[in-house]
């Protein structure tokens, strides 16, 4: 459950960073 959670958070952060 930790791996998917980290991936989800990282994806959100990457999206914010990209914008």
PDB file of N, CA and C in Angstrom:
ATOM      1  N   UNK A   1       0.848  -1.209   0.000  1.00  0.00           N
ATOM      2  CA  UNK A   1       0.000   0.000   0.000  1.00  0.00           C
ATOM      3  C   UNK A   1       0.883   1.259   0.000  1.00  0.00           C
ATOM      4  N   UNK A   2       2.118   1.117   0.412  1.00  0.00           N
ATOM      5  CA  UNK A   2       2.992   2.305   0.476  1.00  0.00           C
ATOM      6  C   UNK A   2       3.508   2.669  -0.923  1.00  0.00           C
ATOM      7  N   UNK A   3       3.877   1.663  -1.689  1.00  0.00           N
ATOM      8  CA  UNK A   3       4.426   1.947  -3.032  1.00  0.00           C
ATOM      9  C   UNK A   3       3.410   2.708  -3.892  1.00  0.00           C
ATOM     10  N   UNK A   4       2.186   2.214  -4.016  1.00  0.00           N
ATOM     11  CA  UNK A   4       1.177   2.915  -4.823  1.00  0.00           C
ATOM     12  C   UNK A   4       0.894   4.305  -4.286  1.00  0.00           C
ATOM     13  N   UNK A   5       0.887   4.442  -2.991  1.00  0.00           N
ATOM     14  CA  UNK A   5       0.612   5.759  -2.398  1.00  0.00           C
ATOM     15  C   UNK A   5       1.722   6.738  -2.783  1.00  0.00           C
ATOM     16  N   UNK A   6       2.953   6.296  -2.675  1.00  0.00           N
ATOM     17  CA  UNK A   6       4.084   7.168  -3.017  1.00  0.00           C
ATOM     18  C   UNK A   6       4.015   7.543  -4.497  1.00  0.00           C
ATOM     19  N   UNK A   7       3.686   6.560  -5.327  1.00  0.00           N
ATOM     20  CA  UNK A   7       3.592   6.827  -6.771  1.00  0.00           C
ATOM     21  C   UNK A   7       2.517   7.868  -7.038  1.00  0.00           C
ATOM     22  N   UNK A   8       1.390   7.722  -6.353  1.00  0.00           N
ATOM     23  CA  UNK A   8       0.287   8.677  -6.566  1.00  0.00           C
ATOM     24  C   UNK A   8       0.712  10.086  -6.140  1.00  0.00           C
ATOM     25  N   UNK A   9       1.333  10.170  -4.984  1.00  0.00           N
ATOM     26  CA  UNK A   9       1.771  11.497  -4.486  1.00  0.00           C
ATOM     27  C   UNK A   9       2.829  12.080  -5.429  1.00  0.00           C
ATOM     28  N   UNK A  10       3.756  11.225  -5.857  1.00  0.00           N
ATOM     29  CA  UNK A  10       4.818  11.721  -6.747  1.00  0.00           C
ATOM     30  C   UNK A  10       4.202  12.225  -8.055  1.00  0.00           C
ATOM     31  N   UNK A  11       3.218  11.486  -8.548  1.00  0.00           N
ATOM     32  CA  UNK A  11       2.565  11.878  -9.810  1.00  0.00           C
ATOM     33  C   UNK A  11       1.915  13.251  -9.633  1.00  0.00           C
ATOM     34  N   UNK A  12       1.263  13.441  -8.513  1.00  0.00           N
ATOM     35  CA  UNK A  12       0.586  14.732  -8.262  1.00  0.00           C
ATOM     36  C   UNK A  12       1.639  15.845  -8.187  1.00  0.00           C
ATOM     37  N   UNK A  13       2.736  15.579  -7.496  1.00  0.00           N
ATOM     38  CA  UNK A  13       3.785  16.598  -7.356  1.00  0.00           C
ATOM     39  C   UNK A  13       4.392  16.907  -8.726  1.00  0.00           C
ATOM     40  N   UNK A  14       4.641  15.863  -9.490  1.00  0.00           N
ATOM     41  CA  UNK A  14       5.243  16.064 -10.825  1.00  0.00           C
ATOM     42  C   UNK A  14       4.293  16.915 -11.672  1.00  0.00           C
ATOM     43  N   UNK A  15       3.010  16.646 -11.557  1.00  0.00           N
ATOM     44  CA  UNK A  15       2.028  17.401 -12.370  1.00  0.00           C
ATOM     45  C   UNK A  15       2.090  18.879 -11.948  1.00  0.00           C
ATOM     46  N   UNK A  16       2.137  19.133 -10.662  1.00  0.00           N
ATOM     47  CA  UNK A  16       2.166  20.527 -10.187  1.00  0.00           C
ATOM     48  C   UNK A  16       3.470  21.190 -10.643  1.00  0.00           C
ATOM     49  N   UNK A  17       4.563  20.440 -10.561  1.00  0.00           N
ATOM     50  CA  UNK A  17       5.859  20.992 -10.952  1.00  0.00           C
ATOM     51  C   UNK A  17       5.865  21.305 -12.448  1.00  0.00           C
ATOM     52  N   UNK A  18       5.238  20.426 -13.225  1.00  0.00           N
ATOM     53  CA  UNK A  18       5.221  20.616 -14.689  1.00  0.00           C
ATOM     54  C   UNK A  18       4.425  21.878 -15.035  1.00  0.00           C
ATOM     55  N   UNK A  19       3.323  22.076 -14.374  1.00  0.00           N
ATOM     56  CA  UNK A  19       2.467  23.228 -14.716  1.00  0.00           C
ATOM     57  C   UNK A  19       3.146  24.538 -14.341  1.00  0.00           C
TER      58      UNK A  19
END
